Amino acid sequence: LTYLGTAAVVLFSVQFLMLLWSLRPLRQVSNDLERVERGEQESLPD
């Protein structure tokens, strides 16, 4: 339990960081779209 619990915490942390990194482009699209709606930029960058 000690080793598997430690492995679970480590794997969960790595998994969370991987999800943050993998979904970062989607969050960037959402943020850029909000800036377009607020009139801070004309369109989504490429």
All heavy atoms as atom14 arrays in JSON, in Angstrom:
{
  "sequence": "LTYLGTAAVVLFSVQFLMLLWSLRPLRQVSNDLERVERGEQESLPD",
  "atom14_mask": [
    [1, 1, 1, 1, 1, 1, 1, 1, 0, 0, 0, 0, 0, 0],
    [1, 1, 1, 1, 1, 1, 1, 0, 0, 0, 0, 0, 0, 0],
    [1, 1, 1, 1, 1, 1, 1, 1, 1, 1, 1, 1, 0, 0],
    [1, 1, 1, 1, 1, 1, 1, 1, 0, 0, 0, 0, 0, 0],
    [1, 1, 1, 1, 0, 0, 0, 0, 0, 0, 0, 0, 0, 0],
    [1, 1, 1, 1, 1, 1, 1, 0, 0, 0, 0, 0, 0, 0],
    [1, 1, 1, 1, 1, 0, 0, 0, 0, 0, 0, 0, 0, 0],
    [1, 1, 1, 1, 1, 0, 0, 0, 0, 0, 0, 0, 0, 0],
    [1, 1, 1, 1, 1, 1, 1, 0, 0, 0, 0, 0, 0, 0],
    [1, 1, 1, 1, 1, 1, 1, 0, 0, 0, 0, 0, 0, 0],
    [1, 1, 1, 1, 1, 1, 1, 1, 0, 0, 0, 0, 0, 0],
    [1, 1, 1, 1, 1, 1, 1, 1, 1, 1, 1, 0, 0, 0],
    [1, 1, 1, 1, 1, 1, 0, 0, 0, 0, 0, 0, 0, 0],
    [1, 1, 1, 1, 1, 1, 1, 0, 0, 0, 0, 0, 0, 0],
    [1, 1, 1, 1, 1, 1, 1, 1, 1, 0, 0, 0, 0, 0],
    [1, 1, 1, 1, 1, 1, 1, 1, 1, 1, 1, 0, 0, 0],
    [1, 1, 1, 1, 1, 1, 1, 1, 0, 0, 0, 0, 0, 0],
    [1, 1, 1, 1, 1, 1, 1, 1, 0, 0, 0, 0, 0, 0],
    [1, 1, 1, 1, 1, 1, 1, 1, 0, 0, 0, 0, 0, 0],
    [1, 1, 1, 1, 1, 1, 1, 1, 0, 0, 0, 0, 0, 0],
    [1, 1, 1, 1, 1, 1, 1, 1, 1, 1, 1, 1, 1, 1],
    [1, 1, 1, 1, 1, 1, 0, 0, 0, 0, 0, 0, 0, 0],
    [1, 1, 1, 1, 1, 1, 1, 1, 0, 0, 0, 0, 0, 0],
    [1, 1, 1, 1, 1, 1, 1, 1, 1, 1, 1, 0, 0, 0],
    [1, 1, 1, 1, 1, 1, 1, 0, 0, 0, 0, 0, 0, 0],
    [1, 1, 1, 1, 1, 1, 1, 1, 0, 0, 0, 0, 0, 0],
    [1, 1, 1, 1, 1, 1, 1, 1, 1, 1, 1, 0, 0, 0],
    [1, 1, 1, 1, 1, 1, 1, 1, 1, 0, 0, 0, 0, 0],
    [1, 1, 1, 1, 1, 1, 1, 0, 0, 0, 0, 0, 0, 0],
    [1, 1, 1, 1, 1, 1, 0, 0, 0, 0, 0, 0, 0, 0],
    [1, 1, 1, 1, 1, 1, 1, 1, 0, 0, 0, 0, 0, 0],
    [1, 1, 1, 1, 1, 1, 1, 1, 0, 0, 0, 0, 0, 0],
    [1, 1, 1, 1, 1, 1, 1, 1, 0, 0, 0, 0, 0, 0],
    [1, 1, 1, 1, 1, 1, 1, 1, 1, 0, 0, 0, 0, 0],
    [1, 1, 1, 1, 1, 1, 1, 1, 1, 1, 1, 0, 0, 0],
    [1, 1, 1, 1, 1, 1, 1, 0, 0, 0, 0, 0, 0, 0],
    [1, 1, 1, 1, 1, 1, 1, 1, 1, 0, 0, 0, 0, 0],
    [1, 1, 1, 1, 1, 1, 1, 1, 1, 1, 1, 0, 0, 0],
    [1, 1, 1, 1, 0, 0, 0, 0, 0, 0, 0, 0, 0, 0],
    [1, 1, 1, 1, 1, 1, 1, 1, 1, 0, 0, 0, 0, 0],
    [1, 1, 1, 1, 1, 1, 1, 1, 1, 0, 0, 0, 0, 0],
    [1, 1, 1, 1, 1, 1, 1, 1, 1, 0, 0, 0, 0, 0],
    [1, 1, 1, 1, 1, 1, 0, 0, 0, 0, 0, 0, 0, 0],
    [1, 1, 1, 1, 1, 1, 1, 1, 0, 0, 0, 0, 0, 0],
    [1, 1, 1, 1, 1, 1, 1, 0, 0, 0, 0, 0, 0, 0],
    [1, 1, 1, 1, 1, 1, 1, 1, 0, 0, 0, 0, 0, 0]
  ],
  "atom14_positions": [
    [[0.83, -1.21, 0.0], [0.0, 0.0, 0.0], [0.86, 1.25, 0.0], [0.53, 2.25, -0.67], [-0.93, -0.01, 1.22], [-2.11, -0.98, 1.17], [-2.87, -0.96, 2.48], [-3.05, -0.63, 0.01], [0.0, 0.0, 0.0], [0.0, 0.0, 0.0], [0.0, 0.0, 0.0], [0.0, 0.0, 0.0], [0.0, 0.0, 0.0], [0.0, 0.0, 0.0]],
    [[1.94, 1.22, 0.75], [2.82, 2.39, 0.79], [3.41, 2.69, -0.59], [3.37, 3.82, -1.08], [3.96, 2.16, 1.8], [3.4, 1.95, 3.1], [4.9, 3.36, 1.85], [0.0, 0.0, 0.0], [0.0, 0.0, 0.0], [0.0, 0.0, 0.0], [0.0, 0.0, 0.0], [0.0, 0.0, 0.0], [0.0, 0.0, 0.0], [0.0, 0.0, 0.0]],
    [[3.95, 1.64, -1.22], [4.57, 1.85, -2.52], [3.54, 2.18, -3.61], [3.77, 3.07, -4.44], [5.39, 0.62, -2.92], [6.73, 0.55, -2.24], [6.93, -0.27, -1.13], [7.81, 1.31, -2.69], [8.17, -0.32, -0.49], [9.03, 1.26, -2.07], [9.21, 0.44, -0.96], [10.43, 0.4, -0.34], [0.0, 0.0, 0.0], [0.0, 0.0, 0.0]],
    [[2.42, 1.45, -3.59], [1.4, 1.74, -4.6], [0.77, 3.11, -4.37], [0.42, 3.82, -5.33], [0.31, 0.67, -4.58], [0.69, -0.7, -5.17], [-0.49, -1.65, -5.1], [1.15, -0.55, -6.63], [0.0, 0.0, 0.0], [0.0, 0.0, 0.0], [0.0, 0.0, 0.0], [0.0, 0.0, 0.0], [0.0, 0.0, 0.0], [0.0, 0.0, 0.0]],
    [[0.59, 3.49, -3.1], [0.07, 4.83, -2.81], [1.01, 5.91, -3.3], [0.58, 6.92, -3.9], [0.0, 0.0, 0.0], [0.0, 0.0, 0.0], [0.0, 0.0, 0.0], [0.0, 0.0, 0.0], [0.0, 0.0, 0.0], [0.0, 0.0, 0.0], [0.0, 0.0, 0.0], [0.0, 0.0, 0.0], [0.0, 0.0, 0.0], [0.0, 0.0, 0.0]],
    [[2.3, 5.72, -3.05], [3.29, 6.69, -3.55], [3.28, 6.73, -5.07], [3.31, 7.81, -5.68], [4.69, 6.31, -3.05], [4.69, 6.24, -1.61], [5.72, 7.33, -3.5], [0.0, 0.0, 0.0], [0.0, 0.0, 0.0], [0.0, 0.0, 0.0], [0.0, 0.0, 0.0], [0.0, 0.0, 0.0], [0.0, 0.0, 0.0], [0.0, 0.0, 0.0]],
    [[3.2, 5.54, -5.68], [3.15, 5.5, -7.15], [1.89, 6.18, -7.68], [1.93, 6.87, -8.7], [3.19, 4.05, -7.63], [0.0, 0.0, 0.0], [0.0, 0.0, 0.0], [0.0, 0.0, 0.0], [0.0, 0.0, 0.0], [0.0, 0.0, 0.0], [0.0, 0.0, 0.0], [0.0, 0.0, 0.0], [0.0, 0.0, 0.0], [0.0, 0.0, 0.0]],
    [[0.76, 6.0, -6.95], [-0.49, 6.64, -7.38], [-0.37, 8.16, -7.35], [-0.81, 8.86, -8.27], [-1.64, 6.17, -6.5], [0.0, 0.0, 0.0], [0.0, 0.0, 0.0], [0.0, 0.0, 0.0], [0.0, 0.0, 0.0], [0.0, 0.0, 0.0], [0.0, 0.0, 0.0], [0.0, 0.0, 0.0], [0.0, 0.0, 0.0], [0.0, 0.0, 0.0]],
    [[0.23, 8.69, -6.27], [0.39, 10.15, -6.16], [1.29, 10.67, -7.28], [0.99, 11.68, -7.93], [0.96, 10.52, -4.78], [1.32, 12.0, -4.73], [-0.04, 10.18, -3.67], [0.0, 0.0, 0.0], [0.0, 0.0, 0.0], [0.0, 0.0, 0.0], [0.0, 0.0, 0.0], [0.0, 0.0, 0.0], [0.0, 0.0, 0.0], [0.0, 0.0, 0.0]],
    [[2.39, 9.96, -7.51], [3.32, 10.39, -8.56], [2.65, 10.31, -9.94], [2.71, 11.26, -10.73], [4.59, 9.52, -8.53], [5.48, 9.84, -9.73], [5.36, 9.75, -7.24], [0.0, 0.0, 0.0], [0.0, 0.0, 0.0], [0.0, 0.0, 0.0], [0.0, 0.0, 0.0], [0.0, 0.0, 0.0], [0.0, 0.0, 0.0], [0.0, 0.0, 0.0]],
    [[1.98, 9.19, -10.21], [1.33, 9.04, -11.51], [0.2, 10.03, -11.7], [0.0, 10.56, -12.8], [0.8, 7.6, -11.65], [1.86, 6.51, -11.82], [1.22, 5.14, -11.83], [2.66, 6.73, -13.1], [0.0, 0.0, 0.0], [0.0, 0.0, 0.0], [0.0, 0.0, 0.0], [0.0, 0.0, 0.0], [0.0, 0.0, 0.0], [0.0, 0.0, 0.0]],
    [[-0.55, 10.29, -10.62], [-1.63, 11.28, -10.72], [-1.06, 12.67, -11.02], [-1.61, 13.42, -11.84], [-2.43, 11.3, -9.43], [-3.58, 12.28, -9.44], [-4.79, 11.94, -10.02], [-3.45, 13.54, -8.9], [-5.85, 12.84, -10.05], [-4.49, 14.46, -8.92], [-5.7, 14.09, -9.5], [0.0, 0.0, 0.0], [0.0, 0.0, 0.0], [0.0, 0.0, 0.0]],
    [[0.04, 13.01, -10.35], [0.67, 14.31, -10.59], [1.17, 14.42, -12.03], [0.96, 15.43, -12.71], [1.82, 14.54, -9.61], [1.36, 14.47, -8.28], [0.0, 0.0, 0.0], [0.0, 0.0, 0.0], [0.0, 0.0, 0.0], [0.0, 0.0, 0.0], [0.0, 0.0, 0.0], [0.0, 0.0, 0.0], [0.0, 0.0, 0.0], [0.0, 0.0, 0.0]],
    [[1.84, 13.35, -12.49], [2.33, 13.35, -13.87], [1.16, 13.43, -14.85], [1.2, 14.16, -15.85], [3.17, 12.09, -14.12], [3.54, 11.97, -15.6], [4.43, 12.13, -13.28], [0.0, 0.0, 0.0], [0.0, 0.0, 0.0], [0.0, 0.0, 0.0], [0.0, 0.0, 0.0], [0.0, 0.0, 0.0], [0.0, 0.0, 0.0], [0.0, 0.0, 0.0]],
    [[0.12, 12.68, -14.55], [-1.07, 12.68, -15.41], [-1.7, 14.06, -15.46], [-2.09, 14.54, -16.53], [-2.05, 11.66, -14.85], [-3.43, 11.66, -15.46], [-4.32, 10.68, -14.73], [-4.24, 9.48, -14.97], [-5.15, 11.15, -13.84], [0.0, 0.0, 0.0], [0.0, 0.0, 0.0], [0.0, 0.0, 0.0], [0.0, 0.0, 0.0], [0.0, 0.0, 0.0]],
    [[-1.8, 14.72, -14.31], [-2.38, 16.06, -14.26], [-1.55, 17.05, -15.07], [-2.09, 17.87, -15.84], [-2.48, 16.52, -12.8], [-3.08, 17.88, -12.63], [-4.43, 18.09, -12.84], [-2.3, 18.96, -12.27], [-4.99, 19.34, -12.69], [-2.85, 20.21, -12.11], [-4.2, 20.41, -12.32], [0.0, 0.0, 0.0], [0.0, 0.0, 0.0], [0.0, 0.0, 0.0]],
    [[-0.22, 16.98, -14.92], [0.65, 17.87, -15.68], [0.55, 17.58, -17.18], [0.57, 18.51, -18.01], [2.09, 17.7, -15.21], [2.38, 18.17, -13.77], [3.81, 17.86, -13.38], [2.1, 19.67, -13.62], [0.0, 0.0, 0.0], [0.0, 0.0, 0.0], [0.0, 0.0, 0.0], [0.0, 0.0, 0.0], [0.0, 0.0, 0.0], [0.0, 0.0, 0.0]],
    [[0.44, 16.3, -17.54], [0.3, 15.95, -18.95], [-1.0, 16.5, -19.53], [-1.04, 17.0, -20.67], [0.35, 14.43, -19.12], [1.72, 13.82, -18.89], [1.69, 12.01, -19.0], [1.11, 11.77, -20.67], [0.0, 0.0, 0.0], [0.0, 0.0, 0.0], [0.0, 0.0, 0.0], [0.0, 0.0, 0.0], [0.0, 0.0, 0.0], [0.0, 0.0, 0.0]],
    [[-2.09, 16.4, -18.75], [-3.37, 16.94, -19.22], [-3.3, 18.45, -19.38], [-3.81, 19.02, -20.35], [-4.48, 16.56, -18.25], [-4.99, 15.12, -18.33], [-6.03, 14.86, -17.24], [-5.6, 14.84, -19.7], [0.0, 0.0, 0.0], [0.0, 0.0, 0.0], [0.0, 0.0, 0.0], [0.0, 0.0, 0.0], [0.0, 0.0, 0.0], [0.0, 0.0, 0.0]],
    [[-2.67, 19.13, -18.4], [-2.53, 20.58, -18.51], [-1.76, 20.95, -19.77], [-2.14, 21.87, -20.51], [-1.81, 21.13, -17.27], [-2.6, 21.19, -15.97], [-1.73, 21.75, -14.85], [-3.85, 22.06, -16.13], [0.0, 0.0, 0.0], [0.0, 0.0, 0.0], [0.0, 0.0, 0.0], [0.0, 0.0, 0.0], [0.0, 0.0, 0.0], [0.0, 0.0, 0.0]],
    [[-0.68, 20.23, -20.0], [0.13, 20.53, -21.18], [-0.61, 20.18, -22.47], [-0.56, 20.93, -23.44], [1.44, 19.75, -21.09], [2.35, 20.0, -22.25], [3.12, 21.1, -22.49], [2.56, 19.11, -23.36], [3.81, 20.96, -23.67], [3.49, 19.74, -24.23], [2.08, 17.86, -23.69], [3.92, 19.16, -25.41], [2.51, 17.28, -24.87], [3.41, 17.92, -25.71]],
    [[-1.3, 19.03, -22.49], [-1.99, 18.59, -23.7], [-3.17, 19.5, -24.05], [-3.43, 19.76, -25.24], [-2.5, 17.16, -23.53], [-1.43, 16.27, -23.28], [0.0, 0.0, 0.0], [0.0, 0.0, 0.0], [0.0, 0.0, 0.0], [0.0, 0.0, 0.0], [0.0, 0.0, 0.0], [0.0, 0.0, 0.0], [0.0, 0.0, 0.0], [0.0, 0.0, 0.0]],
    [[-3.88, 19.99, -23.03], [-5.07, 20.81, -23.28], [-4.75, 22.31, -23.34], [-5.66, 23.12, -23.52], [-6.11, 20.57, -22.18], [-6.71, 19.16, -22.14], [-7.67, 19.03, -20.97], [-7.43, 18.83, -23.44], [0.0, 0.0, 0.0], [0.0, 0.0, 0.0], [0.0, 0.0, 0.0], [0.0, 0.0, 0.0], [0.0, 0.0, 0.0], [0.0, 0.0, 0.0]],
    [[-3.5, 22.64, -23.18], [-3.14, 24.06, -23.22], [-3.53, 24.74, -24.52], [-4.03, 25.88, -24.51], [-1.63, 24.2, -22.97], [-1.17, 25.65, -22.89], [0.31, 25.73, -22.6], [0.75, 27.12, -22.55], [2.0, 27.49, -22.36], [2.93, 26.56, -22.18], [2.33, 28.76, -22.33], [0.0, 0.0, 0.0], [0.0, 0.0, 0.0], [0.0, 0.0, 0.0]],
    [[-3.34, 24.1, -25.7], [-3.79, 24.76, -26.94], [-5.29, 25.06, -26.95], [-5.71, 26.11, -27.46], [-3.42, 23.75, -28.03], [-2.29, 22.96, -27.45], [-2.61, 22.85, -25.99], [0.0, 0.0, 0.0], [0.0, 0.0, 0.0], [0.0, 0.0, 0.0], [0.0, 0.0, 0.0], [0.0, 0.0, 0.0], [0.0, 0.0, 0.0], [0.0, 0.0, 0.0]],
    [[-6.11, 24.16, -26.39], [-7.56, 24.43, -26.35], [-7.87, 25.61, -25.45], [-8.72, 26.45, -25.78], [-8.3, 23.18, -25.87], [-8.38, 22.01, -26.85], [-9.09, 20.83, -26.2], [-9.11, 22.42, -28.12], [0.0, 0.0, 0.0], [0.0, 0.0, 0.0], [0.0, 0.0, 0.0], [0.0, 0.0, 0.0], [0.0, 0.0, 0.0], [0.0, 0.0, 0.0]],
    [[-7.18, 25.67, -24.3], [-7.39, 26.84, -23.43], [-6.93, 28.11, -24.11], [-7.55, 29.17, -23.95], [-6.64, 26.64, -22.11], [-7.25, 25.57, -21.21], [-6.66, 25.66, -19.8], [-5.22, 25.43, -19.82], [-4.67, 24.22, -19.74], [-5.44, 23.15, -19.66], [-3.35, 24.08, -19.75], [0.0, 0.0, 0.0], [0.0, 0.0, 0.0], [0.0, 0.0, 0.0]],
    [[-5.87, 28.02, -24.89], [-5.38, 29.19, -25.61], [-6.4, 29.65, -26.65], [-6.62, 30.86, -26.83], [-4.05, 28.87, -26.29], [-3.34, 30.08, -26.87], [-2.96, 31.09, -25.81], [-2.41, 30.73, -24.78], [-3.28, 32.36, -26.05], [0.0, 0.0, 0.0], [0.0, 0.0, 0.0], [0.0, 0.0, 0.0], [0.0, 0.0, 0.0], [0.0, 0.0, 0.0]],
    [[-7.02, 28.69, -27.35], [-8.08, 29.05, -28.31], [-9.21, 29.78, -27.6], [-9.71, 30.81, -28.07], [-8.61, 27.79, -29.03], [-9.85, 28.13, -29.85], [-7.54, 27.2, -29.93], [0.0, 0.0, 0.0], [0.0, 0.0, 0.0], [0.0, 0.0, 0.0], [0.0, 0.0, 0.0], [0.0, 0.0, 0.0], [0.0, 0.0, 0.0], [0.0, 0.0, 0.0]],
    [[-9.63, 29.24, -26.45], [-10.72, 29.87, -25.69], [-10.34, 31.28, -25.25], [-11.13, 32.22, -25.37], [-11.07, 29.0, -24.47], [-12.07, 29.6, -23.7], [0.0, 0.0, 0.0], [0.0, 0.0, 0.0], [0.0, 0.0, 0.0], [0.0, 0.0, 0.0], [0.0, 0.0, 0.0], [0.0, 0.0, 0.0], [0.0, 0.0, 0.0], [0.0, 0.0, 0.0]],
    [[-9.11, 31.45, -24.73], [-8.67, 32.78, -24.28], [-8.57, 33.75, -25.45], [-8.98, 34.92, -25.34], [-7.32, 32.66, -23.57], [-7.41, 31.89, -22.28], [-8.47, 31.82, -21.66], [-6.32, 31.28, -21.85], [0.0, 0.0, 0.0], [0.0, 0.0, 0.0], [0.0, 0.0, 0.0], [0.0, 0.0, 0.0], [0.0, 0.0, 0.0], [0.0, 0.0, 0.0]],
    [[-8.03, 33.28, -26.57], [-7.93, 34.17, -27.74], [-9.3, 34.56, -28.26], [-9.51, 35.69, -28.7], [-7.13, 33.48, -28.85], [-5.64, 33.39, -28.52], [-5.19, 34.16, -27.65], [-4.94, 32.55, -29.11], [0.0, 0.0, 0.0], [0.0, 0.0, 0.0], [0.0, 0.0, 0.0], [0.0, 0.0, 0.0], [0.0, 0.0, 0.0], [0.0, 0.0, 0.0]],
    [[-10.24, 33.61, -28.23], [-11.59, 33.91, -28.7], [-12.25, 34.95, -27.79], [-12.98, 35.84, -28.26], [-12.42, 32.63, -28.74], [-13.77, 32.7, -29.47], [-13.57, 33.16, -30.9], [-14.46, 31.36, -29.43], [0.0, 0.0, 0.0], [0.0, 0.0, 0.0], [0.0, 0.0, 0.0], [0.0, 0.0, 0.0], [0.0, 0.0, 0.0], [0.0, 0.0, 0.0]],
    [[-12.01, 34.86, -26.49], [-12.54, 35.87, -25.57], [-11.94, 37.24, -25.87], [-12.63, 38.26, -25.8], [-12.26, 35.47, -24.12], [-13.1, 34.3, -23.63], [-12.83, 34.0, -22.17], [-12.18, 34.83, -21.5], [-13.28, 32.93, -21.71], [0.0, 0.0, 0.0], [0.0, 0.0, 0.0], [0.0, 0.0, 0.0], [0.0, 0.0, 0.0], [0.0, 0.0, 0.0]],
    [[-10.65, 37.27, -26.2], [-10.03, 38.55, -26.55], [-10.63, 39.12, -27.83], [-10.8, 40.34, -27.96], [-8.52, 38.38, -26.68], [-7.8, 38.34, -25.34], [-6.29, 38.49, -25.52], [-5.7, 37.24, -25.99], [-5.29, 36.27, -25.19], [-5.38, 36.43, -23.88], [-4.77, 35.17, -25.68], [0.0, 0.0, 0.0], [0.0, 0.0, 0.0], [0.0, 0.0, 0.0]],
    [[-10.96, 38.24, -28.77], [-11.62, 38.72, -29.99], [-12.99, 39.29, -29.65], [-13.38, 40.35, -30.15], [-11.74, 37.56, -31.01], [-12.61, 37.99, -32.2], [-10.37, 37.14, -31.51], [0.0, 0.0, 0.0], [0.0, 0.0, 0.0], [0.0, 0.0, 0.0], [0.0, 0.0, 0.0], [0.0, 0.0, 0.0], [0.0, 0.0, 0.0], [0.0, 0.0, 0.0]],
    [[-13.73, 38.62, -28.78], [-15.06, 39.1, -28.4], [-14.98, 40.42, -27.64], [-15.89, 41.25, -27.74], [-15.76, 38.05, -27.54], [-16.1, 36.78, -28.3], [-16.8, 35.76, -27.43], [-17.1, 36.1, -26.28], [-17.03, 34.64, -27.9], [0.0, 0.0, 0.0], [0.0, 0.0, 0.0], [0.0, 0.0, 0.0], [0.0, 0.0, 0.0], [0.0, 0.0, 0.0]],
    [[-13.9, 40.6, -26.87], [-13.74, 41.87, -26.16], [-13.16, 42.96, -27.05], [-13.02, 44.1, -26.61], [-12.83, 41.66, -24.95], [-13.43, 40.81, -23.85], [-12.63, 40.95, -22.57], [-11.26, 40.52, -22.72], [-10.82, 39.29, -22.44], [-11.68, 38.37, -22.01], [-9.55, 38.97, -22.58], [0.0, 0.0, 0.0], [0.0, 0.0, 0.0], [0.0, 0.0, 0.0]],
    [[-12.82, 42.61, -28.27], [-12.3, 43.6, -29.19], [-10.82, 43.89, -29.02], [-10.31, 44.86, -29.58], [0.0, 0.0, 0.0], [0.0, 0.0, 0.0], [0.0, 0.0, 0.0], [0.0, 0.0, 0.0], [0.0, 0.0, 0.0], [0.0, 0.0, 0.0], [0.0, 0.0, 0.0], [0.0, 0.0, 0.0], [0.0, 0.0, 0.0], [0.0, 0.0, 0.0]],
    [[-10.1, 43.04, -28.28], [-8.68, 43.27, -28.04], [-7.83, 42.78, -29.21], [-6.66, 43.15, -29.3], [-8.26, 42.58, -26.75], [-8.98, 43.13, -25.52], [-8.64, 42.37, -24.25], [-7.78, 41.46, -24.33], [-9.22, 42.68, -23.19], [0.0, 0.0, 0.0], [0.0, 0.0, 0.0], [0.0, 0.0, 0.0], [0.0, 0.0, 0.0], [0.0, 0.0, 0.0]],
    [[-8.37, 41.93, -30.07], [-7.66, 41.51, -31.28], [-8.7, 41.19, -32.34], [-9.86, 40.92, -32.05], [-6.75, 40.31, -31.0], [-7.44, 39.07, -30.5], [-6.45, 37.99, -30.05], [-5.51, 38.28, -29.33], [-6.68, 36.77, -30.5], [0.0, 0.0, 0.0], [0.0, 0.0, 0.0], [0.0, 0.0, 0.0], [0.0, 0.0, 0.0], [0.0, 0.0, 0.0]],
    [[-8.24, 41.24, -33.61], [-9.16, 41.12, -34.73], [-9.56, 39.68, -35.02], [-10.69, 39.41, -35.4], [-8.51, 41.73, -35.99], [-8.4, 43.25, -35.95], [-9.75, 43.92, -35.96], [-10.65, 43.45, -36.68], [-9.93, 44.9, -35.22], [0.0, 0.0, 0.0], [0.0, 0.0, 0.0], [0.0, 0.0, 0.0], [0.0, 0.0, 0.0], [0.0, 0.0, 0.0]],
    [[-8.64, 38.74, -34.83], [-8.93, 37.35, -35.18], [-8.03, 36.44, -34.37], [-7.17, 36.91, -33.6], [-8.71, 37.12, -36.68], [-7.36, 37.41, -37.03], [0.0, 0.0, 0.0], [0.0, 0.0, 0.0], [0.0, 0.0, 0.0], [0.0, 0.0, 0.0], [0.0, 0.0, 0.0], [0.0, 0.0, 0.0], [0.0, 0.0, 0.0], [0.0, 0.0, 0.0]],
    [[-8.22, 35.13, -34.54], [-7.4, 34.15, -33.85], [-6.05, 34.03, -34.55], [-5.99, 33.94, -35.77], [-8.09, 32.78, -33.83], [-9.44, 32.7, -33.11], [-9.99, 31.28, -33.24], [-9.29, 33.06, -31.65], [0.0, 0.0, 0.0], [0.0, 0.0, 0.0], [0.0, 0.0, 0.0], [0.0, 0.0, 0.0], [0.0, 0.0, 0.0], [0.0, 0.0, 0.0]],
    [[-4.96, 34.05, -33.8], [-3.64, 33.92, -34.44], [-3.4, 32.5, -34.95], [-4.08, 31.56, -34.54], [-2.68, 34.27, -33.29], [-3.43, 33.93, -32.05], [-4.89, 34.21, -32.34], [0.0, 0.0, 0.0], [0.0, 0.0, 0.0], [0.0, 0.0, 0.0], [0.0, 0.0, 0.0], [0.0, 0.0, 0.0], [0.0, 0.0, 0.0], [0.0, 0.0, 0.0]],
    [[-2.43, 32.38, -35.85], [-2.12, 31.08, -36.44], [-0.91, 30.47, -35.73], [0.19, 30.37, -36.27], [-1.83, 31.25, -37.94], [-1.7, 29.91, -38.64], [-2.15, 28.91, -38.06], [-1.13, 29.88, -39.74], [0.0, 0.0, 0.0], [0.0, 0.0, 0.0], [0.0, 0.0, 0.0], [0.0, 0.0, 0.0], [0.0, 0.0, 0.0], [0.0, 0.0, 0.0]]
  ]
}
